Amino acid sequence: MTDTAPAGRALPHPERGEIRLEAVLHALSDPMRLQIVCELAAREAELTCSQFELPVTKSTTTHHFRVLRESGVIRQIYRGTAKMNGLRRDDLDGLFPGLLDSLLAAADRQSVRLGGGA
């Protein structure tokens, strides 16, 4: 399979049935993580970590991506040397219908209300 990494580079992800609502809500409660998810949803594509402009250190960025992955919000897959990040929209929509769209819409309204800041 070309989409998966060698065994030593595979990253742990919860199976769909293991994703918990409280973990998803916790992951999305942080403004930086919510920004990452909003960008992934808007671009509808996989992005590398470096494609996000976050005002935090590299180690903090890594932490945010790990929390999103371990909660089941995103999937991270190595493609060559790049770690690609994709929103697990199908899994989230299947488990919690309407939740992701509601959160994204609320985040957008908040951004407008606050003048562009999340």
PDB file of N, CA and C in Angstrom:
ATOM      1  N   MET A   1       0.829  -1.189   0.000  1.00  0.00           N
ATOM      2  CA  MET A   1       0.000   0.000   0.000  1.00  0.00           C
ATOM      3  C   MET A   1       0.868   1.244   0.000  1.00  0.00           C
ATOM      4  N   THR A   2       0.563   2.205  -0.831  1.00  0.00           N
ATOM      5  CA  THR A   2       1.369   3.413  -0.902  1.00  0.00           C
ATOM      6  C   THR A   2       0.934   4.463   0.105  1.00  0.00           C
ATOM      7  N   ASP A   3      -0.268   4.347   0.659  1.00  0.00           N
ATOM      8  CA  ASP A   3      -0.758   5.351   1.583  1.00  0.00           C
ATOM      9  C   ASP A   3      -0.282   5.139   3.012  1.00  0.00           C
ATOM     10  N   THR A   4       0.321   4.007   3.306  1.00  0.00           N
ATOM     11  CA  THR A   4       0.730   3.748   4.677  1.00  0.00           C
ATOM     12  C   THR A   4       2.232   3.810   4.807  1.00  0.00           C
ATOM     13  N   ALA A   5       2.666   4.042   6.010  1.00  0.00           N
ATOM     14  CA  ALA A   5       4.093   4.145   6.284  1.00  0.00           C
ATOM     15  C   ALA A   5       4.644   2.775   6.624  1.00  0.00           C
ATOM     16  N   PRO A   6       5.952   2.630   6.536  1.00  0.00           N
ATOM     17  CA  PRO A   6       6.554   1.404   7.051  1.00  0.00           C
ATOM     18  C   PRO A   6       6.167   1.252   8.521  1.00  0.00           C
ATOM     19  N   ALA A   7       6.178   0.047   9.021  1.00  0.00           N
ATOM     20  CA  ALA A   7       5.697  -0.239  10.372  1.00  0.00           C
ATOM     21  C   ALA A   7       6.287   0.695  11.425  1.00  0.00           C
ATOM     22  N   GLY A   8       7.562   1.047  11.303  1.00  0.00           N
ATOM     23  CA  GLY A   8       8.199   1.917  12.282  1.00  0.00           C
ATOM     24  C   GLY A   8       7.707   3.346  12.231  1.00  0.00           C
ATOM     25  N   ARG A   9       7.045   3.731  11.169  1.00  0.00           N
ATOM     26  CA  ARG A   9       6.583   5.112  11.024  1.00  0.00           C
ATOM     27  C   ARG A   9       5.076   5.238  11.089  1.00  0.00           C
ATOM     28  N   ALA A  10       4.373   4.161  11.324  1.00  0.00           N
ATOM     29  CA  ALA A  10       2.915   4.233  11.442  1.00  0.00           C
ATOM     30  C   ALA A  10       2.557   4.949  12.738  1.00  0.00           C
ATOM     31  N   LEU A  11       1.537   5.767  12.682  1.00  0.00           N
ATOM     32  CA  LEU A  11       1.094   6.514  13.851  1.00  0.00           C
ATOM     33  C   LEU A  11      -0.200   5.901  14.390  1.00  0.00           C
ATOM     34  N   PRO A  12      -0.350   5.829  15.705  1.00  0.00           N
ATOM     35  CA  PRO A  12      -1.572   5.235  16.270  1.00  0.00           C
ATOM     36  C   PRO A  12      -2.779   6.163  16.113  1.00  0.00           C
ATOM     37  N   HIS A  13      -3.876   5.582  15.692  1.00  0.00           N
ATOM     38  CA  HIS A  13      -5.146   6.286  15.546  1.00  0.00           C
ATOM     39  C   HIS A  13      -6.235   5.441  16.189  1.00  0.00           C
ATOM     40  N   PRO A  14      -7.234   6.066  16.794  1.00  0.00           N
ATOM     41  CA  PRO A  14      -8.349   5.262  17.281  1.00  0.00           C
ATOM     42  C   PRO A  14      -9.161   4.737  16.097  1.00  0.00           C
ATOM     43  N   GLU A  15      -9.658   3.525  16.233  1.00  0.00           N
ATOM     44  CA  GLU A  15     -10.597   3.013  15.240  1.00  0.00           C
ATOM     45  C   GLU A  15     -11.871   3.829  15.355  1.00  0.00           C
ATOM     46  N   ARG A  16     -12.663   3.831  14.309  1.00  0.00           N
ATOM     47  CA  ARG A  16     -13.896   4.616  14.303  1.00  0.00           C
ATOM     48  C   ARG A  16     -14.739   4.356  15.553  1.00  0.00           C
ATOM     49  N   GLY A  17     -14.926   3.102  15.914  1.00  0.00           N
ATOM     50  CA  GLY A  17     -15.751   2.762  17.065  1.00  0.00           C
ATOM     51  C   GLY A  17     -15.171   3.175  18.404  1.00  0.00           C
ATOM     52  N   GLU A  18     -13.887   3.546  18.425  1.00  0.00           N
ATOM     53  CA  GLU A  18     -13.227   3.967  19.661  1.00  0.00           C
ATOM     54  C   GLU A  18     -13.269   5.479  19.873  1.00  0.00           C
ATOM     55  N   ILE A  19     -13.703   6.234  18.876  1.00  0.00           N
ATOM     56  CA  ILE A  19     -13.730   7.693  18.981  1.00  0.00           C
ATOM     57  C   ILE A  19     -14.825   8.092  19.969  1.00  0.00           C
ATOM     58  N   ARG A  20     -14.439   8.911  20.949  1.00  0.00           N
ATOM     59  CA  ARG A  20     -15.363   9.337  22.004  1.00  0.00           C
ATOM     60  C   ARG A  20     -15.705  10.813  21.839  1.00  0.00           C
ATOM     61  N   LEU A  21     -16.954  11.136  22.051  1.00  0.00           N
ATOM     62  CA  LEU A  21     -17.421  12.510  21.926  1.00  0.00           C
ATOM     63  C   LEU A  21     -16.637  13.456  22.815  1.00  0.00           C
ATOM     64  N   GLU A  22     -16.405  13.063  24.065  1.00  0.00           N
ATOM     65  CA  GLU A  22     -15.708  13.970  24.972  1.00  0.00           C
ATOM     66  C   GLU A  22     -14.272  14.228  24.525  1.00  0.00           C
ATOM     67  N   ALA A  23     -13.615  13.257  23.901  1.00  0.00           N
ATOM     68  CA  ALA A  23     -12.254  13.458  23.387  1.00  0.00           C
ATOM     69  C   ALA A  23     -12.265  14.417  22.198  1.00  0.00           C
ATOM     70  N   VAL A  24     -13.264  14.275  21.330  1.00  0.00           N
ATOM     71  CA  VAL A  24     -13.392  15.173  20.175  1.00  0.00           C
ATOM     72  C   VAL A  24     -13.648  16.600  20.652  1.00  0.00           C
ATOM     73  N   LEU A  25     -14.572  16.754  21.589  1.00  0.00           N
ATOM     74  CA  LEU A  25     -14.881  18.098  22.095  1.00  0.00           C
ATOM     75  C   LEU A  25     -13.682  18.708  22.807  1.00  0.00           C
ATOM     76  N   HIS A  26     -12.950  17.891  23.571  1.00  0.00           N
ATOM     77  CA  HIS A  26     -11.742  18.397  24.229  1.00  0.00           C
ATOM     78  C   HIS A  26     -10.723  18.868  23.187  1.00  0.00           C
ATOM     79  N   ALA A  27     -10.506  18.062  22.168  1.00  0.00           N
ATOM     80  CA  ALA A  27      -9.535  18.414  21.130  1.00  0.00           C
ATOM     81  C   ALA A  27      -9.916  19.721  20.443  1.00  0.00           C
ATOM     82  N   LEU A  28     -11.193  19.906  20.207  1.00  0.00           N
ATOM     83  CA  LEU A  28     -11.644  21.097  19.485  1.00  0.00           C
ATOM     84  C   LEU A  28     -11.858  22.307  20.399  1.00  0.00           C
ATOM     85  N   SER A  29     -11.651  22.140  21.700  1.00  0.00           N
ATOM     86  CA  SER A  29     -11.837  23.261  22.623  1.00  0.00           C
ATOM     87  C   SER A  29     -10.655  24.230  22.614  1.00  0.00           C
ATOM     88  N   ASP A  30      -9.545  23.816  22.030  1.00  0.00           N
ATOM     89  CA  ASP A  30      -8.361  24.683  21.962  1.00  0.00           C
ATOM     90  C   ASP A  30      -8.396  25.506  20.673  1.00  0.00           C
ATOM     91  N   PRO A  31      -8.191  26.822  20.752  1.00  0.00           N
ATOM     92  CA  PRO A  31      -8.262  27.669  19.556  1.00  0.00           C
ATOM     93  C   PRO A  31      -7.301  27.257  18.432  1.00  0.00           C
ATOM     94  N   MET A  32      -6.088  26.822  18.765  1.00  0.00           N
ATOM     95  CA  MET A  32      -5.135  26.411  17.722  1.00  0.00           C
ATOM     96  C   MET A  32      -5.615  25.142  17.016  1.00  0.00           C
ATOM     97  N   ARG A  33      -6.114  24.191  17.792  1.00  0.00           N
ATOM     98  CA  ARG A  33      -6.596  22.940  17.197  1.00  0.00           C
ATOM     99  C   ARG A  33      -7.850  23.195  16.364  1.00  0.00           C
ATOM    100  N   LEU A  34      -8.711  24.065  16.848  1.00  0.00           N
ATOM    101  CA  LEU A  34      -9.905  24.412  16.075  1.00  0.00           C
ATOM    102  C   LEU A  34      -9.501  25.089  14.764  1.00  0.00           C
ATOM    103  N   GLN A  35      -8.490  25.927  14.808  1.00  0.00           N
ATOM    104  CA  GLN A  35      -7.993  26.584  13.597  1.00  0.00           C
ATOM    105  C   GLN A  35      -7.480  25.549  12.591  1.00  0.00           C
ATOM    106  N   ILE A  36      -6.755  24.553  13.075  1.00  0.00           N
ATOM    107  CA  ILE A  36      -6.249  23.487  12.207  1.00  0.00           C
ATOM    108  C   ILE A  36      -7.409  22.764  11.531  1.00  0.00           C
ATOM    109  N   VAL A  37      -8.423  22.402  12.301  1.00  0.00           N
ATOM    110  CA  VAL A  37      -9.574  21.672  11.765  1.00  0.00           C
ATOM    111  C   VAL A  37     -10.347  22.539  10.779  1.00  0.00           C
ATOM    112  N   CYS A  38     -10.511  23.815  11.086  1.00  0.00           N
ATOM    113  CA  CYS A  38     -11.208  24.719  10.163  1.00  0.00           C
ATOM    114  C   CYS A  38     -10.472  24.811   8.832  1.00  0.00           C
ATOM    115  N   GLU A  39      -9.152  24.879   8.888  1.00  0.00           N
ATOM    116  CA  GLU A  39      -8.373  24.968   7.653  1.00  0.00           C
ATOM    117  C   GLU A  39      -8.446  23.666   6.853  1.00  0.00           C
ATOM    118  N   LEU A  40      -8.363  22.534   7.548  1.00  0.00           N
ATOM    119  CA  LEU A  40      -8.491  21.254   6.847  1.00  0.00           C
ATOM    120  C   LEU A  40      -9.864  21.122   6.189  1.00  0.00           C
ATOM    121  N   ALA A  41     -10.899  21.561   6.888  1.00  0.00           N
ATOM    122  CA  ALA A  41     -12.256  21.479   6.344  1.00  0.00           C
ATOM    123  C   ALA A  41     -12.423  22.422   5.150  1.00  0.00           C
ATOM    124  N   ALA A  42     -11.866  23.615   5.251  1.00  0.00           N
ATOM    125  CA  ALA A  42     -11.991  24.594   4.172  1.00  0.00           C
ATOM    126  C   ALA A  42     -11.232  24.164   2.921  1.00  0.00           C
ATOM    127  N   ARG A  43     -10.061  23.585   3.110  1.00  0.00           N
ATOM    128  CA  ARG A  43      -9.228  23.188   1.972  1.00  0.00           C
ATOM    129  C   ARG A  43      -9.653  21.843   1.384  1.00  0.00           C
ATOM    130  N   GLU A  44     -10.368  21.032   2.169  1.00  0.00           N
ATOM    131  CA  GLU A  44     -10.831  19.714   1.728  1.00  0.00           C
ATOM    132  C   GLU A  44      -9.700  18.902   1.101  1.00  0.00           C
ATOM    133  N   ALA A  45      -8.548  18.953   1.760  1.00  0.00           N
ATOM    134  CA  ALA A  45      -7.366  18.247   1.259  1.00  0.00           C
ATOM    135  C   ALA A  45      -6.479  17.887   2.435  1.00  0.00           C
ATOM    136  N   GLU A  46      -5.576  16.954   2.186  1.00  0.00           N
ATOM    137  CA  GLU A  46      -4.553  16.655   3.185  1.00  0.00           C
ATOM    138  C   GLU A  46      -3.480  17.729   3.106  1.00  0.00           C
ATOM    139  N   LEU A  47      -2.993  18.120   4.270  1.00  0.00           N
ATOM    140  CA  LEU A  47      -1.956  19.153   4.339  1.00  0.00           C
ATOM    141  C   LEU A  47      -0.838  18.684   5.256  1.00  0.00           C
ATOM    142  N   THR A  48       0.374  19.136   4.985  1.00  0.00           N
ATOM    143  CA  THR A  48       1.486  18.850   5.888  1.00  0.00           C
ATOM    144  C   THR A  48       1.404  19.811   7.071  1.00  0.00           C
ATOM    145  N   CYS A  49       2.040  19.445   8.158  1.00  0.00           N
ATOM    146  CA  CYS A  49       2.045  20.303   9.349  1.00  0.00           C
ATOM    147  C   CYS A  49       2.608  21.685   9.034  1.00  0.00           C
ATOM    148  N   SER A  50       3.605  21.739   8.164  1.00  0.00           N
ATOM    149  CA  SER A  50       4.255  23.012   7.853  1.00  0.00           C
ATOM    150  C   SER A  50       3.381  23.944   7.017  1.00  0.00           C
ATOM    151  N   GLN A  51       2.274  23.440   6.480  1.00  0.00           N
ATOM    152  CA  GLN A  51       1.380  24.289   5.695  1.00  0.00           C
ATOM    153  C   GLN A  51       0.456  25.133   6.568  1.00  0.00           C
ATOM    154  N   PHE A  52       0.505  24.913   7.878  1.00  0.00           N
ATOM    155  CA  PHE A  52      -0.319  25.685   8.805  1.00  0.00           C
ATOM    156  C   PHE A  52       0.537  26.774   9.423  1.00  0.00           C
ATOM    157  N   GLU A  53       0.010  27.992   9.444  1.00  0.00           N
ATOM    158  CA  GLU A  53       0.727  29.107  10.058  1.00  0.00           C
ATOM    159  C   GLU A  53       0.152  29.338  11.443  1.00  0.00           C
ATOM    160  N   LEU A  54       0.752  28.688  12.412  1.00  0.00           N
ATOM    161  CA  LEU A  54       0.292  28.802  13.792  1.00  0.00           C
ATOM    162  C   LEU A  54       1.298  29.614  14.598  1.00  0.00           C
ATOM    163  N   PRO A  55       0.811  30.509  15.461  1.00  0.00           N
ATOM    164  CA  PRO A  55       1.714  31.367  16.239  1.00  0.00           C
ATOM    165  C   PRO A  55       2.232  30.682  17.505  1.00  0.00           C
ATOM    166  N   VAL A  56       2.701  29.443  17.331  1.00  0.00           N
ATOM    167  CA  VAL A  56       3.236  28.678  18.463  1.00  0.00           C
ATOM    168  C   VAL A  56       4.513  27.979  18.012  1.00  0.00           C
ATOM    169  N   THR A  57       5.259  27.434  18.969  1.00  0.00           N
ATOM    170  CA  THR A  57       6.505  26.749  18.652  1.00  0.00           C
ATOM    171  C   THR A  57       6.223  25.439  17.910  1.00  0.00           C
ATOM    172  N   LYS A  58       7.266  24.898  17.300  1.00  0.00           N
ATOM    173  CA  LYS A  58       7.130  23.633  16.577  1.00  0.00           C
ATOM    174  C   LYS A  58       6.701  22.506  17.516  1.00  0.00           C
ATOM    175  N   SER A  59       7.246  22.473  18.727  1.00  0.00           N
ATOM    176  CA  SER A  59       6.877  21.409  19.664  1.00  0.00           C
ATOM    177  C   SER A  59       5.414  21.542  20.092  1.00  0.00           C
ATOM    178  N   THR A  60       4.938  22.762  20.247  1.00  0.00           N
ATOM    179  CA  THR A  60       3.526  22.961  20.592  1.00  0.00           C
ATOM    180  C   THR A  60       2.632  22.572  19.421  1.00  0.00           C
ATOM    181  N   THR A  61       3.053  22.897  18.214  1.00  0.00           N
ATOM    182  CA  THR A  61       2.304  22.487  17.024  1.00  0.00           C
ATOM    183  C   THR A  61       2.208  20.965  16.969  1.00  0.00           C
ATOM    184  N   THR A  62       3.319  20.287  17.215  1.00  0.00           N
ATOM    185  CA  THR A  62       3.335  18.821  17.226  1.00  0.00           C
ATOM    186  C   THR A  62       2.350  18.288  18.259  1.00  0.00           C
ATOM    187  N   HIS A  63       2.321  18.898  19.428  1.00  0.00           N
ATOM    188  CA  HIS A  63       1.379  18.494  20.475  1.00  0.00           C
ATOM    189  C   HIS A  63      -0.067  18.632  19.994  1.00  0.00           C
ATOM    190  N   HIS A  64      -0.391  19.751  19.367  1.00  0.00           N
ATOM    191  CA  HIS A  64      -1.759  19.972  18.890  1.00  0.00           C
ATOM    192  C   HIS A  64      -2.171  18.912  17.863  1.00  0.00           C
ATOM    193  N   PHE A  65      -1.277  18.594  16.944  1.00  0.00           N
ATOM    194  CA  PHE A  65      -1.594  17.566  15.948  1.00  0.00           C
ATOM    195  C   PHE A  65      -1.762  16.193  16.609  1.00  0.00           C
ATOM    196  N   ARG A  66      -0.961  15.918  17.627  1.00  0.00           N
ATOM    197  CA  ARG A  66      -1.076  14.638  18.329  1.00  0.00           C
ATOM    198  C   ARG A  66      -2.427  14.524  19.040  1.00  0.00           C
ATOM    199  N   VAL A  67      -2.848  15.600  19.706  1.00  0.00           N
ATOM    200  CA  VAL A  67      -4.147  15.587  20.389  1.00  0.00           C
ATOM    201  C   VAL A  67      -5.272  15.364  19.378  1.00  0.00           C
ATOM    202  N   LEU A  68      -5.208  16.037  18.249  1.00  0.00           N
ATOM    203  CA  LEU A  68      -6.240  15.864  17.214  1.00  0.00           C
ATOM    204  C   LEU A  68      -6.239  14.438  16.674  1.00  0.00           C
ATOM    205  N   ARG A  69      -5.058  13.866  16.467  1.00  0.00           N
ATOM    206  CA  ARG A  69      -4.966  12.490  15.956  1.00  0.00           C
ATOM    207  C   ARG A  69      -5.476  11.489  16.979  1.00  0.00           C
ATOM    208  N   GLU A  70      -5.023  11.622  18.209  1.00  0.00           N
ATOM    209  CA  GLU A  70      -5.394  10.648  19.235  1.00  0.00           C
ATOM    210  C   GLU A  70      -6.866  10.715  19.616  1.00  0.00           C
ATOM    211  N   SER A  71      -7.508  11.844  19.366  1.00  0.00           N
ATOM    212  CA  SER A  71      -8.941  11.968  19.644  1.00  0.00           C
ATOM    213  C   SER A  71      -9.783  11.447  18.482  1.00  0.00           C
ATOM    214  N   GLY A  72      -9.153  11.240  17.333  1.00  0.00           N
ATOM    215  CA  GLY A  72      -9.878  10.746  16.168  1.00  0.00           C
ATOM    216  C   GLY A  72     -10.382  11.837  15.236  1.00  0.00           C
ATOM    217  N   VAL A  73      -9.968  13.074  15.457  1.00  0.00           N
ATOM    218  CA  VAL A  73     -10.427  14.181  14.623  1.00  0.00           C
ATOM    219  C   VAL A  73      -9.689  14.204  13.285  1.00  0.00           C
ATOM    220  N   ILE A  74      -8.384  13.903  13.298  1.00  0.00           N
ATOM    221  CA  ILE A  74      -7.607  13.876  12.063  1.00  0.00           C
ATOM    222  C   ILE A  74      -6.907  12.531  11.928  1.00  0.00           C
ATOM    223  N   ARG A  75      -6.478  12.256  10.710  1.00  0.00           N
ATOM    224  CA  ARG A  75      -5.639  11.100  10.419  1.00  0.00           C
ATOM    225  C   ARG A  75      -4.311  11.640   9.901  1.00  0.00           C
ATOM    226  N   GLN A  76      -3.227  11.100  10.434  1.00  0.00           N
ATOM    227  CA  GLN A  76      -1.891  11.483   9.984  1.00  0.00           C
ATOM    228  C   GLN A  76      -1.242  10.270   9.330  1.00  0.00           C
ATOM    229  N   ILE A  77      -0.754  10.476   8.117  1.00  0.00           N
ATOM    230  CA  ILE A  77      -0.143   9.398   7.350  1.00  0.00           C
ATOM    231  C   ILE A  77       1.151   9.923   6.736  1.00  0.00           C
ATOM    232  N   TYR A  78       2.195   9.117   6.847  1.00  0.00           N
ATOM    233  CA  TYR A  78       3.442   9.473   6.176  1.00  0.00           C
ATOM    234  C   TYR A  78       3.337   9.127   4.705  1.00  0.00           C
ATOM    235  N   ARG A  79       3.724  10.081   3.868  1.00  0.00           N
ATOM    236  CA  ARG A  79       3.879   9.855   2.436  1.00  0.00           C
ATOM    237  C   ARG A  79       5.291  10.308   2.120  1.00  0.00           C
ATOM    238  N   GLY A  80       6.176   9.336   1.954  1.00  0.00           N
ATOM    239  CA  GLY A  80       7.594   9.668   1.831  1.00  0.00           C
ATOM    240  C   GLY A  80       8.062  10.236   3.157  1.00  0.00           C
ATOM    241  N   THR A  81       8.629  11.436   3.114  1.00  0.00           N
ATOM    242  CA  THR A  81       9.085  12.065   4.358  1.00  0.00           C
ATOM    243  C   THR A  81       8.062  13.047   4.910  1.00  0.00           C
ATOM    244  N   ALA A  82       6.971  13.267   4.200  1.00  0.00           N
ATOM    245  CA  ALA A  82       5.957  14.224   4.636  1.00  0.00           C
ATOM    246  C   ALA A  82       4.888  13.544   5.488  1.00  0.00           C
ATOM    247  N   LYS A  83       4.532  14.181   6.570  1.00  0.00           N
ATOM    248  CA  LYS A  83       3.426  13.703   7.397  1.00  0.00           C
ATOM    249  C   LYS A  83       2.182  14.481   6.964  1.00  0.00           C
ATOM    250  N   MET A  84       1.251  13.765   6.345  1.00  0.00           N
ATOM    251  CA  MET A  84       0.040  14.384   5.824  1.00  0.00           C
ATOM    252  C   MET A  84      -1.073  14.311   6.866  1.00  0.00           C
ATOM    253  N   ASN A  85      -1.843  15.374   6.949  1.00  0.00           N
ATOM    254  CA  ASN A  85      -2.940  15.481   7.904  1.00  0.00           C
ATOM    255  C   ASN A  85      -4.245  15.613   7.146  1.00  0.00           C
ATOM    256  N   GLY A  86      -5.212  14.779   7.500  1.00  0.00           N
ATOM    257  CA  GLY A  86      -6.524  14.838   6.874  1.00  0.00           C
ATOM    258  C   GLY A  86      -7.623  14.757   7.916  1.00  0.00           C
ATOM    259  N   LEU A  87      -8.666  15.497   7.705  1.00  0.00           N
ATOM    260  CA  LEU A  87      -9.818  15.496   8.597  1.00  0.00           C
ATOM    261  C   LEU A  87     -10.579  14.184   8.449  1.00  0.00           C
ATOM    262  N   ARG A  88     -10.949  13.574   9.541  1.00  0.00           N
ATOM    263  CA  ARG A  88     -11.711  12.314   9.509  1.00  0.00           C
ATOM    264  C   ARG A  88     -13.208  12.611   9.455  1.00  0.00           C
ATOM    265  N   ARG A  89     -13.593  13.381   8.459  1.00  0.00           N
ATOM    266  CA  ARG A  89     -14.976  13.845   8.337  1.00  0.00           C
ATOM    267  C   ARG A  89     -15.963  12.688   8.263  1.00  0.00           C
ATOM    268  N   ASP A  90     -15.683  11.675   7.462  1.00  0.00           N
ATOM    269  CA  ASP A  90     -16.614  10.553   7.334  1.00  0.00           C
ATOM    270  C   ASP A  90     -16.855   9.873   8.675  1.00  0.00           C
ATOM    271  N   ASP A  91     -15.793   9.643   9.418  1.00  0.00           N
ATOM    272  CA  ASP A  91     -15.933   9.005  10.728  1.00  0.00           C
ATOM    273  C   ASP A  91     -16.711   9.896  11.693  1.00  0.00           C
ATOM    274  N   LEU A  92     -16.364  11.182  11.740  1.00  0.00           N
ATOM    275  CA  LEU A  92     -17.034  12.096  12.663  1.00  0.00           C
ATOM    276  C   LEU A  92     -18.500  12.288  12.300  1.00  0.00           C
ATOM    277  N   ASP A  93     -18.782  12.443  11.003  1.00  0.00           N
ATOM    278  CA  ASP A  93     -20.174  12.608  10.568  1.00  0.00           C
ATOM    279  C   ASP A  93     -20.990  11.342  10.818  1.00  0.00           C
ATOM    280  N   GLY A  94     -20.356  10.187  10.661  1.00  0.00           N
ATOM    281  CA  GLY A  94     -21.052   8.935  10.907  1.00  0.00           C
ATOM    282  C   GLY A  94     -21.374   8.714  12.366  1.00  0.00           C
ATOM    283  N   LEU A  95     -20.453   9.096  13.239  1.00  0.00           N
ATOM    284  CA  LEU A  95     -20.648   8.906  14.675  1.00  0.00           C
ATOM    285  C   LEU A  95     -21.492  10.006  15.314  1.00  0.00           C
ATOM    286  N   PHE A  96     -21.267  11.239  14.882  1.00  0.00           N
ATOM    287  CA  PHE A  96     -21.908  12.405  15.499  1.00  0.00           C
ATOM    288  C   PHE A  96     -22.494  13.293  14.393  1.00  0.00           C
ATOM    289  N   PRO A  97     -23.587  12.867  13.774  1.00  0.00           N
ATOM    290  CA  PRO A  97     -24.144  13.604  12.634  1.00  0.00           C
ATOM    291  C   PRO A  97     -24.402  15.081  12.951  1.00  0.00           C
ATOM    292  N   GLY A  98     -23.868  15.944  12.109  1.00  0.00           N
ATOM    293  CA  GLY A  98     -24.080  17.379  12.243  1.00  0.00           C
ATOM    294  C   GLY A  98     -23.128  18.093  13.184  1.00  0.00           C
ATOM    295  N   LEU A  99     -22.400  17.347  14.005  1.00  0.00           N
ATOM    296  CA  LEU A  99     -21.529  17.980  14.997  1.00  0.00           C
ATOM    297  C   LEU A  99     -20.428  18.813  14.343  1.00  0.00           C
ATOM    298  N   LEU A 100     -19.711  18.212  13.426  1.00  0.00           N
ATOM    299  CA  LEU A 100     -18.587  18.918  12.805  1.00  0.00           C
ATOM    300  C   LEU A 100     -19.062  20.153  12.049  1.00  0.00           C
ATOM    301  N   ASP A 101     -20.124  20.011  11.259  1.00  0.00           N
ATOM    302  CA  ASP A 101     -20.629  21.172  10.513  1.00  0.00           C
ATOM    303  C   ASP A 101     -21.097  22.274  11.457  1.00  0.00           C
ATOM    304  N   SER A 102     -21.741  21.905  12.564  1.00  0.00           N
ATOM    305  CA  SER A 102     -22.188  22.898  13.546  1.00  0.00           C
ATOM    306  C   SER A 102     -21.010  23.619  14.180  1.00  0.00           C
ATOM    307  N   LEU A 103     -19.969  22.857  14.541  1.00  0.00           N
ATOM    308  CA  LEU A 103     -18.791  23.470  15.152  1.00  0.00           C
ATOM    309  C   LEU A 103     -18.055  24.382  14.170  1.00  0.00           C
ATOM    310  N   LEU A 104     -17.940  23.943  12.931  1.00  0.00           N
ATOM    311  CA  LEU A 104     -17.268  24.766  11.918  1.00  0.00           C
ATOM    312  C   LEU A 104     -18.041  26.052  11.655  1.00  0.00           C
ATOM    313  N   ALA A 105     -19.375  25.949  11.584  1.00  0.00           N
ATOM    314  CA  ALA A 105     -20.206  27.134  11.368  1.00  0.00           C
ATOM    315  C   ALA A 105     -20.107  28.083  12.562  1.00  0.00           C
ATOM    316  N   ALA A 106     -20.113  27.529  13.772  1.00  0.00           N
ATOM    317  CA  ALA A 106     -19.988  28.358  14.974  1.00  0.00           C
ATOM    318  C   ALA A 106     -18.629  29.052  15.015  1.00  0.00           C
ATOM    319  N   ALA A 107     -17.573  28.331  14.642  1.00  0.00           N
ATOM    320  CA  ALA A 107     -16.228  28.918  14.621  1.00  0.00           C
ATOM    321  C   ALA A 107     -16.163  30.051  13.600  1.00  0.00           C
ATOM    322  N   ASP A 108     -16.808  29.859  12.461  1.00  0.00           N
ATOM    323  CA  ASP A 108     -16.826  30.899  11.428  1.00  0.00           C
ATOM    324  C   ASP A 108     -17.577  32.133  11.922  1.00  0.00           C
ATOM    325  N   ARG A 109     -18.741  31.925  12.560  1.00  0.00           N
ATOM    326  CA  ARG A 109     -19.507  33.053  13.103  1.00  0.00           C
ATOM    327  C   ARG A 109     -18.703  33.791  14.175  1.00  0.00           C
ATOM    328  N   GLN A 110     -18.013  33.035  15.010  1.00  0.00           N
ATOM    329  CA  GLN A 110     -17.206  33.660  16.060  1.00  0.00           C
ATOM    330  C   GLN A 110     -16.071  34.475  15.456  1.00  0.00           C
ATOM    331  N   SER A 111     -15.442  33.937  14.421  1.00  0.00           N
ATOM    332  CA  SER A 111     -14.339  34.642  13.766  1.00  0.00           C
ATOM    333  C   SER A 111     -14.831  35.984  13.190  1.00  0.00           C
ATOM    334  N   VAL A 112     -15.999  35.958  12.567  1.00  0.00           N
ATOM    335  CA  VAL A 112     -16.583  37.191  12.008  1.00  0.00           C
ATOM    336  C   VAL A 112     -16.914  38.168  13.142  1.00  0.00           C
ATOM    337  N   ARG A 113     -17.521  37.640  14.192  1.00  0.00           N
ATOM    338  CA  ARG A 113     -17.941  38.470  15.331  1.00  0.00           C
ATOM    339  C   ARG A 113     -16.741  39.128  16.009  1.00  0.00           C
ATOM    340  N   LEU A 114     -15.627  38.405  16.072  1.00  0.00           N
ATOM    341  CA  LEU A 114     -14.441  38.920  16.747  1.00  0.00           C
ATOM    342  C   LEU A 114     -13.474  39.623  15.799  1.00  0.00           C
ATOM    343  N   GLY A 115     -13.888  39.801  14.568  1.00  0.00           N
ATOM    344  CA  GLY A 115     -13.061  40.533  13.613  1.00  0.00           C
ATOM    345  C   GLY A 115     -11.927  39.735  13.028  1.00  0.00           C
ATOM    346  N   GLY A 116     -12.159  38.431  12.763  1.00  0.00           N
ATOM    347  CA  GLY A 116     -11.165  37.615  12.101  1.00  0.00           C
ATOM    348  C   GLY A 116     -10.349  36.749  13.019  1.00  0.00           C
ATOM    349  N   GLY A 117     -10.374  36.975  14.310  1.00  0.00           N
ATOM    350  CA  GLY A 117      -9.628  36.129  15.241  1.00  0.00           C
ATOM    351  C   GLY A 117     -10.511  35.019  15.763  1.00  0.00           C
ATOM    352  N   ALA A 118      -9.934  33.838  15.942  1.00  0.00           N
ATOM    353  CA  ALA A 118     -10.726  32.716  16.459  1.00  0.00           C
ATOM    354  C   ALA A 118     -10.747  32.712  17.961  1.00  0.00           C
TER     355      ALA A 118
END
